[in-house]
Amino acid sequence: MSGINFQTSYHLGQEYENIKNRATKILGKYLEDSNLISFDDVEKRVTFTSERLAPVNRSKRPPVMLLFSNPHPHSIKQGMFLSANIKNRENLFWPTMRNAGWFSIPEAKRNPEDLRDMFLQVKYPGPFELYFYCYYVFPTRLPDDIRRIFGKGVFDQIIKPNARDEFTSELNKTDAKAVVTFNKGIFNLVSDEKIKRYIAQLNKGEMVQGRIIVFDKGIPIFLTHPTGWRYDKEFKTLRETSLKKIKAAILKGA
């Protein structure tokens, strides 16, 4: 298990069989790896591996949390957030963030092992000390799969409150000066500003932002394009421009 992976579990009680059956259909081959996700028929419990990257070395740079929805099973198996896909194609996140000036890491070093170590040790050129955090810890291919697998009852009674409490605790520990998220649903969960449509705003050069609602500290949160967004012929430039504006706003307020 890598330095950013950890295991946790949910006790599912009477919903166990239904959840296990739905997970089998939705997660498919990822259930073949018991180190990733395993169901205990006796304890009525699911145990799974998740990921969270908090630097082990602190720096004098302002800490910023990069907030994602939930882990992808493939990235967990690779040992680093946003790893290359099963065809070994690099996730657009890395060159986009580099071109927007968030860090400078040569392509030869953008592999799971080197990336994980550089971000853990804060050994990358850049203006921020970056934290990688998933709001929900259960791994799925698509964020909406969590609700589909666990159903409304377990999601509302167990997963949602756990996620809120852990997010609040992590923000306290990191003393983050800002949060940047790539998911509209997560933004609406934690921000005092709620939005419906936002891509057009971003593409016009506007910023979408609010304040974290669980704190009196007034921590700003910014919403940018999803990590896989490419629905415009100028998608690279549009994504980079949004991230450059966010970077400048955080530095101005830091």
Protein backbone atom coordinates (compact mmCIF):
# COMPACT_ATOMS: atom_id res chain seq x y z
CA MET A 1 0.00 0.00 0.00
CA SER A 2 1.41 3.41 -0.98
CA GLY A 3 2.01 6.28 1.39
CA ILE A 4 -1.25 7.94 0.37
CA ASN A 5 -3.56 4.92 0.50
CA PHE A 6 -5.53 3.86 3.56
CA GLN A 7 -8.28 1.39 4.39
CA THR A 8 -11.65 1.98 6.00
CA SER A 9 -14.99 0.19 6.18
CA TYR A 10 -18.76 0.60 6.44
CA HIS A 11 -21.04 -1.68 8.42
CA LEU A 12 -24.07 -2.18 6.16
CA GLY A 13 -26.50 -4.15 8.34
CA GLN A 14 -29.77 -5.17 6.69
CA GLU A 15 -28.84 -3.48 3.41
CA TYR A 16 -25.72 -5.62 2.99
CA GLU A 17 -26.96 -8.08 0.34
CA ASN A 18 -28.63 -5.39 -1.79
CA ILE A 19 -25.52 -3.21 -1.69
CA LYS A 20 -23.22 -6.12 -2.49
CA ASN A 21 -25.37 -7.11 -5.50
CA ARG A 22 -25.45 -3.55 -6.85
CA ALA A 23 -21.69 -3.17 -6.31
CA THR A 24 -21.04 -6.38 -8.24
CA LYS A 25 -22.94 -5.05 -11.25
CA ILE A 26 -21.50 -1.53 -11.15
CA LEU A 27 -17.88 -2.14 -10.14
CA GLY A 28 -17.31 -5.28 -12.19
CA LYS A 29 -13.64 -6.29 -12.45
CA TYR A 30 -12.58 -3.98 -9.63
CA LEU A 31 -14.18 -6.34 -7.13
CA GLU A 32 -11.70 -9.03 -8.19
CA ASP A 33 -9.02 -7.30 -6.10
CA SER A 34 -9.85 -7.90 -2.44
CA ASN A 35 -7.20 -5.36 -1.39
CA LEU A 36 -9.24 -2.70 -3.19
CA ILE A 37 -12.78 -3.63 -2.11
CA SER A 38 -13.96 -6.66 -0.15
CA PHE A 39 -17.32 -7.72 1.28
CA ASP A 40 -17.51 -9.68 4.55
CA ASP A 41 -20.67 -11.81 4.52
CA VAL A 42 -20.37 -12.59 8.25
CA GLU A 43 -19.81 -9.07 9.55
CA LYS A 44 -22.07 -7.48 6.88
CA ARG A 45 -19.29 -5.02 6.21
CA VAL A 46 -17.47 -3.62 3.17
CA THR A 47 -13.78 -2.78 3.56
CA PHE A 48 -12.02 -0.73 0.92
CA THR A 49 -8.88 1.20 0.07
CA SER A 50 -9.03 4.94 -0.53
CA GLU A 51 -6.50 7.72 -1.10
CA ARG A 52 -5.56 11.05 0.47
CA LEU A 53 -2.34 13.01 0.02
CA ALA A 54 -1.19 15.34 2.78
CA PRO A 55 2.44 16.49 2.64
CA VAL A 56 4.65 14.93 5.30
CA ASN A 57 6.99 17.93 5.08
CA ARG A 58 5.58 21.39 5.63
CA SER A 59 6.81 24.41 3.71
CA LYS A 60 6.43 28.17 3.85
CA ARG A 61 4.13 28.11 0.83
CA PRO A 62 0.41 28.78 1.39
CA PRO A 63 -1.44 25.44 1.74
CA VAL A 64 -4.18 24.82 -0.84
CA MET A 65 -6.53 21.85 -0.96
CA LEU A 66 -7.37 20.29 -4.32
CA LEU A 67 -10.81 18.80 -3.70
CA PHE A 68 -12.11 15.90 -5.79
CA SER A 69 -15.35 13.91 -5.62
CA ASN A 70 -14.06 10.39 -4.85
CA PRO A 71 -11.18 8.13 -5.89
CA HIS A 72 -11.09 6.16 -9.11
CA PRO A 73 -10.23 2.47 -8.49
CA HIS A 74 -7.52 2.54 -11.17
CA SER A 75 -5.71 5.46 -9.53
CA ILE A 76 -5.74 3.68 -6.17
CA LYS A 77 -4.22 0.59 -7.76
CA GLN A 78 -1.55 2.77 -9.40
CA GLY A 79 -0.75 4.49 -6.10
CA MET A 80 -1.38 8.11 -7.07
CA PHE A 81 -4.27 10.48 -7.83
CA LEU A 82 -5.17 10.95 -11.48
CA SER A 83 -2.85 8.25 -12.79
CA ALA A 84 -2.56 7.43 -16.48
CA ASN A 85 -5.54 5.42 -17.75
CA ILE A 86 -5.52 1.72 -18.60
CA LYS A 87 -4.10 2.64 -22.04
CA ASN A 88 -1.27 4.47 -20.25
CA ARG A 89 -2.51 7.84 -21.50
CA GLU A 90 -1.63 10.69 -19.16
CA ASN A 91 -4.48 12.42 -17.36
CA LEU A 92 -4.95 15.96 -18.68
CA PHE A 93 -4.82 17.26 -15.13
CA TRP A 94 -1.02 17.17 -15.03
CA PRO A 95 -0.06 19.14 -18.16
CA THR A 96 -2.97 21.54 -17.56
CA MET A 97 -1.87 22.39 -14.02
CA ARG A 98 1.74 22.70 -15.18
CA ASN A 99 0.86 25.06 -18.01
CA ALA A 100 -1.24 27.14 -15.61
CA GLY A 101 1.78 27.60 -13.34
CA TRP A 102 0.68 25.49 -10.36
CA PHE A 103 3.81 23.34 -10.47
CA SER A 104 6.64 22.50 -12.82
CA ILE A 105 7.26 18.79 -13.21
CA PRO A 106 8.93 17.35 -16.33
CA GLU A 107 6.99 14.71 -18.22
CA ALA A 108 9.58 12.04 -17.41
CA LYS A 109 8.80 12.50 -13.71
CA ARG A 110 5.02 12.41 -14.09
CA ASN A 111 4.63 8.76 -13.11
CA PRO A 112 2.74 7.58 -9.99
CA GLU A 113 5.81 6.89 -7.85
CA ASP A 114 7.66 10.13 -8.59
CA LEU A 115 4.54 12.27 -8.38
CA ARG A 116 3.49 10.76 -5.07
CA ASP A 117 6.94 11.28 -3.54
CA MET A 118 7.33 14.82 -4.85
CA PHE A 119 3.97 15.96 -3.49
CA LEU A 120 4.44 14.19 -0.17
CA GLN A 121 7.83 15.84 0.29
CA VAL A 122 6.84 19.17 -1.37
CA LYS A 123 9.78 18.80 -3.75
CA TYR A 124 8.22 20.50 -6.76
CA PRO A 125 8.59 24.09 -7.96
CA GLY A 126 5.34 25.98 -7.48
CA PRO A 127 3.58 28.66 -5.43
CA PHE A 128 1.53 26.36 -3.16
CA GLU A 129 1.77 23.44 -0.77
CA LEU A 130 -0.84 21.17 -2.31
CA TYR A 131 -3.16 18.70 -0.60
CA PHE A 132 -5.10 16.14 -2.64
CA TYR A 133 -8.40 15.25 -1.00
CA CYS A 134 -11.48 13.24 -2.02
CA TYR A 135 -14.72 14.33 -0.37
CA TYR A 136 -16.12 10.79 -0.50
CA VAL A 137 -13.69 7.96 0.22
CA PHE A 138 -15.36 5.03 -1.56
CA PRO A 139 -13.77 4.31 -4.99
CA THR A 140 -15.93 4.15 -8.11
CA ARG A 141 -15.52 4.83 -11.81
CA LEU A 142 -18.12 7.61 -11.73
CA PRO A 143 -19.06 9.83 -8.73
CA ASP A 144 -22.78 9.06 -9.07
CA ASP A 145 -22.03 5.35 -8.67
CA ILE A 146 -21.68 5.82 -4.90
CA ARG A 147 -25.38 6.64 -4.52
CA ARG A 148 -26.33 3.90 -6.98
CA ILE A 149 -24.40 1.29 -5.00
CA PHE A 150 -25.32 2.25 -1.44
CA GLY A 151 -28.82 3.62 -1.93
CA LYS A 152 -30.31 6.72 -0.37
CA GLY A 153 -30.60 5.36 3.19
CA VAL A 154 -26.99 4.31 3.73
CA PHE A 155 -25.69 7.25 1.74
CA ASP A 156 -27.62 9.80 3.84
CA GLN A 157 -27.13 8.08 7.21
CA ILE A 158 -23.51 6.94 6.98
CA ILE A 159 -21.56 8.16 3.98
CA LYS A 160 -22.70 11.77 3.82
CA PRO A 161 -22.19 12.68 7.52
CA ASN A 162 -18.85 10.84 7.62
CA ALA A 163 -17.67 12.78 4.58
CA ARG A 164 -18.71 16.11 6.09
CA ASP A 165 -16.97 15.41 9.41
CA GLU A 166 -13.74 14.20 7.82
CA PHE A 167 -13.62 17.15 5.43
CA THR A 168 -14.04 19.59 8.33
CA SER A 169 -11.34 17.83 10.32
CA GLU A 170 -8.91 17.83 7.40
CA LEU A 171 -9.40 21.53 6.71
CA ASN A 172 -8.60 22.22 10.35
CA LYS A 173 -5.42 20.16 10.18
CA THR A 174 -4.14 21.61 6.91
CA ASP A 175 -4.99 25.24 7.69
CA ALA A 176 -5.76 25.60 3.99
CA LYS A 177 -5.86 29.14 2.65
CA ALA A 178 -8.11 28.08 -0.22
CA VAL A 179 -9.87 25.08 -1.75
CA VAL A 180 -10.10 24.33 -5.46
CA THR A 181 -12.61 21.77 -6.68
CA PHE A 182 -13.24 20.22 -10.08
CA ASN A 183 -16.77 18.99 -9.38
CA LYS A 184 -19.93 21.10 -9.31
CA GLY A 185 -21.76 18.77 -6.94
CA ILE A 186 -18.98 18.95 -4.36
CA PHE A 187 -18.79 22.73 -4.72
CA ASN A 188 -22.51 23.02 -3.97
CA LEU A 189 -22.15 20.78 -0.91
CA VAL A 190 -19.46 22.82 0.82
CA SER A 191 -19.83 26.36 -0.55
CA ASP A 192 -22.12 29.14 0.63
CA GLU A 193 -22.75 29.92 -3.05
CA LYS A 194 -24.81 27.41 -5.05
CA ILE A 195 -24.55 27.20 -8.82
CA LYS A 196 -26.36 25.38 -11.62
CA ARG A 197 -24.55 26.12 -14.86
CA TYR A 198 -21.00 27.35 -14.75
CA ILE A 199 -18.93 26.16 -17.73
CA ALA A 200 -20.04 29.14 -19.83
CA GLN A 201 -18.94 31.48 -17.03
CA LEU A 202 -15.52 29.86 -16.86
CA ASN A 203 -15.14 29.97 -20.63
CA LYS A 204 -15.85 33.72 -20.56
CA GLY A 205 -12.96 34.16 -18.16
CA GLU A 206 -15.10 34.58 -15.06
CA MET A 207 -14.39 32.90 -11.73
CA VAL A 208 -16.89 30.75 -9.85
CA GLN A 209 -16.23 30.98 -6.14
CA GLY A 210 -17.72 30.98 -2.66
CA ARG A 211 -16.78 30.40 0.97
CA ILE A 212 -16.61 27.10 2.86
CA ILE A 213 -19.82 26.93 4.89
CA VAL A 214 -18.53 24.83 7.81
CA PHE A 215 -16.02 27.45 8.91
CA ASP A 216 -16.03 30.96 10.28
CA LYS A 217 -12.57 31.44 8.79
CA GLY A 218 -13.96 32.49 5.43
CA ILE A 219 -11.90 29.97 3.46
CA PRO A 220 -12.48 30.64 -0.25
CA ILE A 221 -13.45 27.80 -2.57
CA PHE A 222 -13.08 27.97 -6.34
CA LEU A 223 -14.73 25.79 -8.98
CA THR A 224 -12.93 25.04 -12.23
CA HIS A 225 -13.47 22.66 -15.17
CA PRO A 226 -13.74 18.91 -14.44
CA THR A 227 -10.42 17.09 -14.77
CA GLY A 228 -11.60 15.29 -17.92
CA TRP A 229 -13.39 18.24 -19.59
CA ARG A 230 -12.55 18.67 -23.30
CA TYR A 231 -15.84 19.79 -24.87
CA ASP A 232 -14.50 22.77 -26.81
CA LYS A 233 -11.86 23.00 -29.49
CA GLU A 234 -9.99 25.41 -27.22
CA PHE A 235 -10.43 23.27 -24.12
CA LYS A 236 -6.75 23.33 -23.17
CA THR A 237 -6.52 27.11 -23.23
CA LEU A 238 -9.86 27.53 -21.45
CA ARG A 239 -8.89 25.19 -18.64
CA GLU A 240 -5.48 26.75 -18.21
CA THR A 241 -6.92 30.27 -18.18
CA SER A 242 -9.37 29.37 -15.42
CA LEU A 243 -6.63 27.86 -13.28
CA LYS A 244 -4.32 30.84 -13.85
CA LYS A 245 -7.04 33.20 -12.61
CA ILE A 246 -7.68 31.06 -9.55
CA LYS A 247 -3.95 30.90 -8.79
CA ALA A 248 -3.66 34.68 -8.99
CA ALA A 249 -6.70 35.19 -6.75
CA ILE A 250 -5.34 32.84 -4.08
CA LEU A 251 -1.91 34.46 -4.13
CA LYS A 252 -3.47 37.89 -3.82
CA GLY A 253 -5.41 36.82 -0.74
CA ALA A 254 -2.70 34.68 0.86
